[in-house]
């Protein structure tokens, strides 16, 4: 695949329709590699690679959480903020049903069903982010301001360090 050829996914169609300038970033996908692999393959900071996490509350209501690649979501903090008992990741088949995307290729843009989006507040401070473009091995580089304009996420502070130093 030449560098100018990239998949036209539901996410790409949304970005085009919303006139969001983006740079397609293709890399060799590795199962279970996550943001560590995509950051390494693209030569960018894992902090700038944003995970799209599909979760649900105790009432099985789905939601999306956008988080820095080098952090995890404190589901306890998020549940407190949302006034629910628990929040947990959706089973893969459930996440795919809600979003229309395969796990490892989930984008917050162009989901099958409109889902509430919660974004770690500090992502807004990054001038450019790398987020899934709707296919495994395909990220798009966009301005965080454009992500906020299009998705209108609720900003939250629910990050916890993967390395336990926060």
N, C-alpha and C. Protein backbone atom coordinates (compact mmCIF):
# COMPACT_ATOMS: atom_id res chain seq x y z
N UNK A 1 0.85 -1.18 0.00
CA UNK A 1 0.00 0.00 0.00
C UNK A 1 0.89 1.24 0.00
N UNK A 2 0.69 2.15 -0.95
CA UNK A 2 1.53 3.34 -0.92
C UNK A 2 1.08 4.28 0.18
N UNK A 3 1.95 5.21 0.55
CA UNK A 3 1.67 6.04 1.72
C UNK A 3 0.48 6.97 1.52
N UNK A 4 0.09 7.21 0.27
CA UNK A 4 -1.06 8.07 0.02
C UNK A 4 -2.38 7.29 0.04
N UNK A 5 -2.29 5.96 0.02
CA UNK A 5 -3.50 5.13 0.06
C UNK A 5 -3.79 4.76 1.51
N UNK A 6 -5.01 5.01 1.92
CA UNK A 6 -5.42 4.65 3.27
C UNK A 6 -6.89 4.26 3.22
N UNK A 7 -7.34 3.49 4.21
CA UNK A 7 -8.72 3.02 4.18
C UNK A 7 -9.71 4.17 4.36
N UNK A 8 -10.82 4.11 3.65
CA UNK A 8 -11.89 5.09 3.82
C UNK A 8 -12.93 4.42 4.72
N UNK A 9 -12.81 4.71 6.00
CA UNK A 9 -13.67 4.12 7.03
C UNK A 9 -14.80 5.10 7.37
N UNK A 10 -15.72 4.66 8.22
CA UNK A 10 -16.77 5.55 8.71
C UNK A 10 -16.14 6.76 9.41
N UNK A 11 -15.04 6.54 10.13
CA UNK A 11 -14.35 7.64 10.82
C UNK A 11 -13.81 8.66 9.81
N UNK A 12 -13.18 8.18 8.76
CA UNK A 12 -12.64 9.08 7.73
C UNK A 12 -13.77 9.87 7.09
N UNK A 13 -14.90 9.23 6.83
CA UNK A 13 -16.04 9.94 6.24
C UNK A 13 -16.54 11.06 7.15
N UNK A 14 -16.58 10.80 8.47
CA UNK A 14 -17.00 11.83 9.42
C UNK A 14 -15.99 12.98 9.42
N UNK A 15 -14.70 12.66 9.46
CA UNK A 15 -13.67 13.70 9.47
C UNK A 15 -13.77 14.57 8.22
N UNK A 16 -13.96 13.94 7.08
CA UNK A 16 -14.11 14.70 5.83
C UNK A 16 -15.36 15.57 5.87
N UNK A 17 -16.48 15.00 6.31
CA UNK A 17 -17.75 15.74 6.35
C UNK A 17 -17.66 16.94 7.29
N UNK A 18 -16.90 16.79 8.37
CA UNK A 18 -16.74 17.88 9.35
C UNK A 18 -15.56 18.80 9.01
N UNK A 19 -14.95 18.56 7.85
CA UNK A 19 -13.80 19.36 7.38
C UNK A 19 -12.67 19.42 8.39
N UNK A 20 -12.34 18.24 8.93
CA UNK A 20 -11.24 18.11 9.88
C UNK A 20 -9.99 17.74 9.09
N UNK A 21 -8.97 18.61 9.10
CA UNK A 21 -7.71 18.22 8.46
C UNK A 21 -7.07 17.08 9.26
N UNK A 22 -6.64 16.04 8.56
CA UNK A 22 -6.00 14.92 9.25
C UNK A 22 -4.89 14.35 8.39
N UNK A 23 -3.95 13.71 9.07
CA UNK A 23 -2.87 13.00 8.39
C UNK A 23 -3.06 11.53 8.67
N UNK A 24 -3.23 10.70 7.62
CA UNK A 24 -3.35 9.27 7.85
C UNK A 24 -2.00 8.68 8.27
N UNK A 25 -2.02 7.80 9.24
CA UNK A 25 -0.80 7.18 9.75
C UNK A 25 -1.01 5.67 9.79
N UNK A 26 -0.40 4.98 8.85
CA UNK A 26 -0.50 3.52 8.78
C UNK A 26 0.71 2.90 9.46
N UNK A 27 0.49 1.79 10.14
CA UNK A 27 1.61 1.08 10.79
C UNK A 27 1.28 -0.41 10.80
N UNK A 28 2.26 -1.22 11.10
CA UNK A 28 2.06 -2.66 11.18
C UNK A 28 1.42 -3.01 12.51
N UNK A 29 0.16 -3.39 12.44
CA UNK A 29 -0.62 -3.73 13.63
C UNK A 29 -0.10 -5.02 14.26
N UNK A 30 -0.02 -5.02 15.59
CA UNK A 30 0.33 -6.23 16.34
C UNK A 30 -0.79 -6.48 17.33
N UNK A 31 -1.37 -7.68 17.31
CA UNK A 31 -2.43 -8.02 18.25
C UNK A 31 -1.96 -7.80 19.68
N UNK A 32 -2.77 -7.16 20.47
CA UNK A 32 -2.51 -6.86 21.88
C UNK A 32 -1.33 -5.90 22.09
N UNK A 33 -0.88 -5.23 21.03
CA UNK A 33 0.24 -4.31 21.15
C UNK A 33 -0.17 -2.93 21.65
N UNK A 34 -1.42 -2.56 21.37
CA UNK A 34 -1.97 -1.29 21.86
C UNK A 34 -1.17 -0.08 21.43
N UNK A 35 -1.26 0.94 22.28
CA UNK A 35 -0.62 2.23 21.96
C UNK A 35 0.90 2.15 22.03
N UNK A 36 1.43 1.19 22.75
CA UNK A 36 2.89 1.04 22.82
C UNK A 36 3.44 0.75 21.42
N UNK A 37 2.79 -0.16 20.71
CA UNK A 37 3.24 -0.52 19.37
C UNK A 37 2.99 0.61 18.38
N UNK A 38 1.79 1.21 18.40
CA UNK A 38 1.51 2.27 17.43
C UNK A 38 2.45 3.46 17.64
N UNK A 39 2.71 3.84 18.89
CA UNK A 39 3.63 4.95 19.16
C UNK A 39 5.04 4.62 18.65
N UNK A 40 5.49 3.40 18.94
CA UNK A 40 6.82 2.98 18.49
C UNK A 40 6.90 2.98 16.96
N UNK A 41 5.91 2.39 16.32
CA UNK A 41 5.91 2.29 14.85
C UNK A 41 5.86 3.66 14.18
N UNK A 42 5.14 4.60 14.79
CA UNK A 42 5.00 5.93 14.19
C UNK A 42 6.06 6.91 14.68
N UNK A 43 6.84 6.50 15.68
CA UNK A 43 7.90 7.37 16.20
C UNK A 43 7.35 8.58 16.94
N UNK A 44 6.26 8.39 17.70
CA UNK A 44 5.65 9.48 18.46
C UNK A 44 5.53 9.07 19.93
N UNK A 45 5.26 10.03 20.78
CA UNK A 45 5.08 9.76 22.20
C UNK A 45 3.79 8.99 22.44
N UNK A 46 3.87 7.97 23.29
CA UNK A 46 2.67 7.21 23.61
C UNK A 46 1.62 8.08 24.31
N UNK A 47 2.07 9.16 24.95
CA UNK A 47 1.16 10.09 25.61
C UNK A 47 0.24 10.79 24.59
N UNK A 48 0.74 10.95 23.37
CA UNK A 48 -0.01 11.64 22.31
C UNK A 48 -0.92 10.69 21.52
N UNK A 49 -0.77 9.38 21.77
CA UNK A 49 -1.63 8.39 21.12
C UNK A 49 -2.82 8.18 22.05
N UNK A 50 -4.01 8.43 21.54
CA UNK A 50 -5.21 8.40 22.37
C UNK A 50 -5.98 7.10 22.16
N UNK A 51 -6.25 6.41 23.27
CA UNK A 51 -7.03 5.16 23.23
C UNK A 51 -8.51 5.49 23.19
N UNK A 52 -9.26 4.71 22.42
CA UNK A 52 -10.72 4.78 22.40
C UNK A 52 -11.22 3.54 23.13
N UNK A 53 -11.73 3.72 24.32
CA UNK A 53 -12.16 2.61 25.17
C UNK A 53 -13.68 2.57 25.25
N UNK A 54 -14.25 1.42 24.93
CA UNK A 54 -15.70 1.27 24.99
C UNK A 54 -16.02 0.59 26.32
N UNK A 55 -16.80 1.28 27.13
CA UNK A 55 -17.13 0.79 28.46
C UNK A 55 -18.64 0.82 28.64
N UNK A 56 -19.09 0.26 29.76
CA UNK A 56 -20.51 0.35 30.08
C UNK A 56 -20.68 0.48 31.58
N UNK A 57 -21.82 1.08 31.97
CA UNK A 57 -22.08 1.21 33.39
C UNK A 57 -22.86 0.00 33.90
N UNK A 58 -23.22 0.02 35.16
CA UNK A 58 -23.90 -1.14 35.75
C UNK A 58 -25.28 -1.38 35.15
N UNK A 59 -25.82 -0.39 34.45
CA UNK A 59 -27.09 -0.56 33.74
C UNK A 59 -26.90 -0.97 32.29
N UNK A 60 -25.68 -1.36 31.94
CA UNK A 60 -25.30 -1.78 30.59
C UNK A 60 -25.41 -0.66 29.55
N UNK A 61 -25.35 0.60 30.01
CA UNK A 61 -25.35 1.74 29.07
C UNK A 61 -23.91 1.95 28.59
N UNK A 62 -23.70 1.89 27.27
CA UNK A 62 -22.34 2.03 26.74
C UNK A 62 -21.88 3.48 26.70
N UNK A 63 -20.57 3.65 26.75
CA UNK A 63 -19.95 4.97 26.65
C UNK A 63 -18.53 4.79 26.14
N UNK A 64 -17.98 5.89 25.64
CA UNK A 64 -16.59 5.89 25.16
C UNK A 64 -15.76 6.75 26.09
N UNK A 65 -14.56 6.27 26.41
CA UNK A 65 -13.60 7.05 27.18
C UNK A 65 -12.36 7.21 26.31
N UNK A 66 -11.91 8.44 26.16
CA UNK A 66 -10.67 8.73 25.43
C UNK A 66 -9.58 9.01 26.46
N UNK A 67 -8.48 8.26 26.36
CA UNK A 67 -7.42 8.33 27.36
C UNK A 67 -6.05 8.30 26.69
N UNK A 68 -5.08 9.00 27.29
CA UNK A 68 -3.69 8.94 26.83
C UNK A 68 -3.24 7.49 26.79
N UNK A 69 -2.42 7.15 25.82
CA UNK A 69 -1.94 5.78 25.68
C UNK A 69 -1.14 5.29 26.86
N UNK A 70 -0.46 6.20 27.56
CA UNK A 70 0.39 5.80 28.68
C UNK A 70 -0.31 5.89 30.03
N UNK A 71 -1.63 6.01 30.01
CA UNK A 71 -2.42 6.04 31.25
C UNK A 71 -3.57 5.07 31.16
N UNK A 72 -4.15 4.75 32.31
CA UNK A 72 -5.34 3.92 32.37
C UNK A 72 -6.48 4.76 32.92
N UNK A 73 -7.69 4.24 32.79
CA UNK A 73 -8.87 4.90 33.32
C UNK A 73 -9.14 4.36 34.72
N UNK A 74 -9.33 5.27 35.67
CA UNK A 74 -9.80 4.86 36.99
C UNK A 74 -11.31 4.70 36.86
N UNK A 75 -11.76 3.47 36.72
CA UNK A 75 -13.20 3.23 36.55
C UNK A 75 -13.97 3.61 37.81
N UNK A 76 -13.34 3.53 38.97
CA UNK A 76 -14.00 3.95 40.21
C UNK A 76 -14.27 5.45 40.18
N UNK A 77 -13.26 6.24 39.77
CA UNK A 77 -13.44 7.69 39.69
C UNK A 77 -14.52 8.04 38.66
N UNK A 78 -14.49 7.37 37.51
CA UNK A 78 -15.47 7.65 36.47
C UNK A 78 -16.88 7.29 36.95
N UNK A 79 -17.03 6.17 37.62
CA UNK A 79 -18.34 5.77 38.14
C UNK A 79 -18.86 6.81 39.13
N UNK A 80 -17.98 7.32 39.99
CA UNK A 80 -18.40 8.36 40.95
C UNK A 80 -18.87 9.60 40.20
N UNK A 81 -18.11 10.01 39.18
CA UNK A 81 -18.49 11.20 38.40
C UNK A 81 -19.85 11.03 37.70
N UNK A 82 -20.11 9.82 37.24
CA UNK A 82 -21.34 9.56 36.50
C UNK A 82 -22.50 9.11 37.40
N UNK A 83 -22.23 9.05 38.70
CA UNK A 83 -23.25 8.66 39.68
C UNK A 83 -23.84 7.28 39.39
N UNK A 84 -22.95 6.34 39.10
CA UNK A 84 -23.35 4.95 38.90
C UNK A 84 -22.48 4.08 39.82
N UNK A 85 -22.91 2.83 40.02
CA UNK A 85 -22.15 1.94 40.91
C UNK A 85 -20.82 1.53 40.31
N UNK A 86 -20.85 1.09 39.04
CA UNK A 86 -19.63 0.60 38.42
C UNK A 86 -19.56 0.98 36.95
N UNK A 87 -18.34 1.02 36.46
CA UNK A 87 -18.03 1.16 35.03
C UNK A 87 -17.01 0.07 34.73
N UNK A 88 -17.19 -0.60 33.61
CA UNK A 88 -16.20 -1.61 33.24
C UNK A 88 -16.12 -1.70 31.71
N UNK A 89 -15.01 -2.21 31.19
CA UNK A 89 -14.88 -2.36 29.74
C UNK A 89 -15.96 -3.31 29.21
N UNK A 90 -16.46 -3.00 28.04
CA UNK A 90 -17.42 -3.89 27.37
C UNK A 90 -16.71 -5.14 26.89
N UNK A 91 -17.43 -6.23 26.83
CA UNK A 91 -16.91 -7.43 26.17
C UNK A 91 -16.67 -7.06 24.71
N UNK A 92 -15.69 -7.71 24.08
CA UNK A 92 -15.32 -7.35 22.70
C UNK A 92 -16.51 -7.38 21.75
N UNK A 93 -17.33 -8.43 21.82
CA UNK A 93 -18.46 -8.52 20.89
C UNK A 93 -19.48 -7.42 21.14
N UNK A 94 -19.66 -7.02 22.39
CA UNK A 94 -20.59 -5.94 22.73
C UNK A 94 -20.04 -4.60 22.22
N UNK A 95 -18.76 -4.37 22.43
CA UNK A 95 -18.13 -3.13 21.95
C UNK A 95 -18.25 -3.02 20.44
N UNK A 96 -18.00 -4.13 19.75
CA UNK A 96 -18.10 -4.13 18.28
C UNK A 96 -19.53 -3.87 17.82
N UNK A 97 -20.50 -4.41 18.56
CA UNK A 97 -21.91 -4.19 18.22
C UNK A 97 -22.28 -2.71 18.36
N UNK A 98 -21.80 -2.06 19.42
CA UNK A 98 -22.12 -0.64 19.65
C UNK A 98 -21.44 0.29 18.66
N UNK A 99 -20.18 -0.03 18.32
CA UNK A 99 -19.39 0.90 17.51
C UNK A 99 -19.37 0.57 16.03
N UNK A 100 -19.49 -0.71 15.68
CA UNK A 100 -19.33 -1.12 14.29
C UNK A 100 -17.87 -1.32 13.92
N UNK A 101 -16.99 -1.16 14.89
CA UNK A 101 -15.55 -1.32 14.65
C UNK A 101 -15.03 -2.57 15.33
N UNK A 102 -14.00 -3.16 14.70
CA UNK A 102 -13.30 -4.31 15.27
C UNK A 102 -12.40 -3.83 16.40
N UNK A 103 -12.28 -4.61 17.47
CA UNK A 103 -11.38 -4.27 18.57
C UNK A 103 -9.97 -4.10 18.00
N UNK A 104 -9.29 -3.05 18.43
CA UNK A 104 -7.97 -2.73 17.88
C UNK A 104 -8.08 -1.72 16.74
N UNK A 105 -9.31 -1.47 16.30
CA UNK A 105 -9.55 -0.51 15.23
C UNK A 105 -10.72 0.40 15.56
N UNK A 106 -10.99 0.59 16.85
CA UNK A 106 -12.14 1.38 17.27
C UNK A 106 -11.82 2.87 17.25
N UNK A 107 -12.63 3.61 16.52
CA UNK A 107 -12.52 5.07 16.47
C UNK A 107 -13.72 5.67 17.18
N UNK A 108 -13.55 6.84 17.80
CA UNK A 108 -14.72 7.51 18.39
C UNK A 108 -15.58 8.20 17.33
N UNK A 109 -15.05 8.31 16.11
CA UNK A 109 -15.77 8.96 15.01
C UNK A 109 -16.53 7.91 14.21
N UNK A 110 -17.78 8.19 13.88
CA UNK A 110 -18.52 7.31 12.99
C UNK A 110 -18.97 6.01 13.62
N UNK A 111 -19.25 6.04 14.91
CA UNK A 111 -19.73 4.82 15.56
C UNK A 111 -21.13 4.48 15.06
N UNK A 112 -21.45 3.20 15.10
CA UNK A 112 -22.75 2.71 14.63
C UNK A 112 -23.89 3.39 15.37
N UNK A 113 -23.73 3.51 16.69
CA UNK A 113 -24.73 4.18 17.53
C UNK A 113 -24.06 5.41 18.14
N UNK A 114 -24.80 6.51 18.30
CA UNK A 114 -24.20 7.64 19.01
C UNK A 114 -23.96 7.26 20.48
N UNK A 115 -22.75 7.42 20.94
CA UNK A 115 -22.40 7.08 22.32
C UNK A 115 -21.86 8.32 23.03
N UNK A 116 -22.16 8.47 24.33
CA UNK A 116 -21.56 9.58 25.07
C UNK A 116 -20.04 9.39 25.11
N UNK A 117 -19.31 10.49 24.97
CA UNK A 117 -17.85 10.44 24.95
C UNK A 117 -17.31 11.24 26.12
N UNK A 118 -16.43 10.60 26.89
CA UNK A 118 -15.75 11.24 28.01
C UNK A 118 -14.27 11.26 27.67
N UNK A 119 -13.64 12.42 27.82
CA UNK A 119 -12.25 12.58 27.43
C UNK A 119 -11.43 13.10 28.60
N UNK A 120 -10.29 12.47 28.84
CA UNK A 120 -9.37 12.96 29.86
C UNK A 120 -9.02 14.41 29.53
N UNK A 121 -9.23 15.30 30.50
CA UNK A 121 -9.09 16.75 30.29
C UNK A 121 -7.75 17.16 29.67
N UNK A 122 -6.66 16.53 30.09
CA UNK A 122 -5.33 16.94 29.63
C UNK A 122 -5.10 16.66 28.14
N UNK A 123 -5.94 15.84 27.51
CA UNK A 123 -5.80 15.61 26.06
C UNK A 123 -6.02 16.92 25.32
N UNK A 124 -6.89 17.77 25.85
CA UNK A 124 -7.19 19.06 25.22
C UNK A 124 -5.95 19.96 25.15
N UNK A 125 -4.97 19.70 26.01
CA UNK A 125 -3.74 20.51 26.03
C UNK A 125 -2.75 20.13 24.93
N UNK A 126 -2.96 18.99 24.31
CA UNK A 126 -2.04 18.54 23.26
C UNK A 126 -2.42 19.21 21.94
N UNK A 127 -1.45 19.80 21.24
CA UNK A 127 -1.79 20.42 19.95
C UNK A 127 -2.20 19.40 18.90
N UNK A 128 -1.53 18.24 18.90
CA UNK A 128 -1.83 17.20 17.91
C UNK A 128 -1.91 15.86 18.63
N UNK A 129 -2.92 15.07 18.23
CA UNK A 129 -3.09 13.74 18.80
C UNK A 129 -3.16 12.71 17.68
N UNK A 130 -2.93 11.48 18.05
CA UNK A 130 -3.03 10.34 17.13
C UNK A 130 -4.13 9.44 17.68
N UNK A 131 -5.16 9.22 16.87
CA UNK A 131 -6.32 8.46 17.34
C UNK A 131 -6.75 7.50 16.25
N UNK A 132 -7.38 6.41 16.64
CA UNK A 132 -7.71 5.38 15.66
C UNK A 132 -8.61 5.92 14.56
N UNK A 133 -8.28 5.53 13.34
CA UNK A 133 -9.03 5.96 12.16
C UNK A 133 -10.09 4.96 11.72
N UNK A 134 -10.33 3.93 12.54
CA UNK A 134 -11.40 3.00 12.24
C UNK A 134 -10.97 1.67 11.65
N UNK A 135 -9.67 1.38 11.76
CA UNK A 135 -9.17 0.11 11.25
C UNK A 135 -7.87 -0.22 12.00
N UNK A 136 -7.62 -1.49 12.21
CA UNK A 136 -6.37 -1.90 12.85
C UNK A 136 -5.19 -1.43 12.00
N UNK A 137 -4.19 -0.83 12.67
CA UNK A 137 -3.01 -0.36 11.96
C UNK A 137 -3.20 0.97 11.26
N UNK A 138 -4.22 1.72 11.67
CA UNK A 138 -4.52 3.00 11.02
C UNK A 138 -4.95 4.05 12.05
N UNK A 139 -4.06 5.01 12.28
CA UNK A 139 -4.38 6.15 13.14
C UNK A 139 -4.48 7.40 12.27
N UNK A 140 -5.15 8.41 12.79
CA UNK A 140 -5.16 9.71 12.13
C UNK A 140 -4.58 10.74 13.10
N UNK A 141 -3.75 11.61 12.57
CA UNK A 141 -3.21 12.71 13.37
C UNK A 141 -4.12 13.91 13.13
N UNK A 142 -4.67 14.44 14.22
CA UNK A 142 -5.56 15.59 14.13
C UNK A 142 -5.27 16.54 15.29
N UNK A 143 -5.77 17.76 15.16
CA UNK A 143 -5.68 18.71 16.27
C UNK A 143 -6.69 18.30 17.34
N UNK A 144 -6.28 18.37 18.60
CA UNK A 144 -7.22 18.02 19.68
C UNK A 144 -8.43 18.95 19.64
N UNK A 145 -8.23 20.19 19.21
CA UNK A 145 -9.36 21.14 19.12
C UNK A 145 -10.42 20.64 18.14
N UNK A 146 -9.99 19.98 17.05
CA UNK A 146 -10.95 19.44 16.09
C UNK A 146 -11.71 18.26 16.69
N UNK A 147 -11.02 17.42 17.45
CA UNK A 147 -11.70 16.31 18.11
C UNK A 147 -12.79 16.86 19.02
N UNK A 148 -12.46 17.88 19.79
CA UNK A 148 -13.43 18.47 20.72
C UNK A 148 -14.60 19.10 19.96
N UNK A 149 -14.31 19.78 18.85
CA UNK A 149 -15.36 20.42 18.06
C UNK A 149 -16.33 19.39 17.51
N UNK A 150 -15.83 18.27 17.02
CA UNK A 150 -16.67 17.28 16.37
C UNK A 150 -17.40 16.38 17.38
N UNK A 151 -16.69 15.90 18.39
CA UNK A 151 -17.29 14.94 19.32
C UNK A 151 -17.99 15.58 20.51
N UNK A 152 -17.61 16.80 20.86
CA UNK A 152 -18.15 17.48 22.04
C UNK A 152 -18.12 16.58 23.28
N UNK A 153 -16.92 16.08 23.61
CA UNK A 153 -16.82 15.16 24.75
C UNK A 153 -17.00 15.88 26.08
N UNK A 154 -17.39 15.14 27.09
CA UNK A 154 -17.40 15.63 28.45
C UNK A 154 -15.97 15.46 28.97
N UNK A 155 -15.38 16.55 29.46
CA UNK A 155 -14.00 16.48 29.96
C UNK A 155 -14.01 15.97 31.40
N UNK A 156 -13.15 15.00 31.66
CA UNK A 156 -13.07 14.37 32.98
C UNK A 156 -11.61 14.25 33.40
N UNK A 157 -11.40 14.01 34.69
CA UNK A 157 -10.06 13.73 35.20
C UNK A 157 -10.13 12.39 35.91
N UNK A 158 -9.84 11.33 35.13
CA UNK A 158 -9.98 9.96 35.66
C UNK A 158 -8.77 9.10 35.30
N UNK A 159 -7.65 9.74 35.03
CA UNK A 159 -6.47 8.96 34.63
C UNK A 159 -5.73 8.43 35.85
N UNK A 160 -5.10 7.30 35.61
CA UNK A 160 -4.21 6.73 36.61
C UNK A 160 -3.01 6.17 35.85
N UNK A 161 -1.84 6.28 36.39
CA UNK A 161 -0.64 5.85 35.70
C UNK A 161 -0.60 4.33 35.55
N UNK A 162 -0.18 3.89 34.38
CA UNK A 162 -0.02 2.47 34.14
C UNK A 162 1.09 1.91 35.03
N UNK A 163 2.05 2.77 35.34
CA UNK A 163 3.23 2.33 36.10
C UNK A 163 3.06 2.52 37.61
N UNK A 164 1.90 2.99 38.04
CA UNK A 164 1.62 3.12 39.47
C UNK A 164 2.35 4.25 40.16
N UNK A 165 2.85 5.24 39.40
CA UNK A 165 3.59 6.33 40.04
C UNK A 165 2.77 7.61 40.15
N UNK A 166 1.48 7.54 39.92
CA UNK A 166 0.62 8.73 40.09
C UNK A 166 -0.20 8.63 41.36
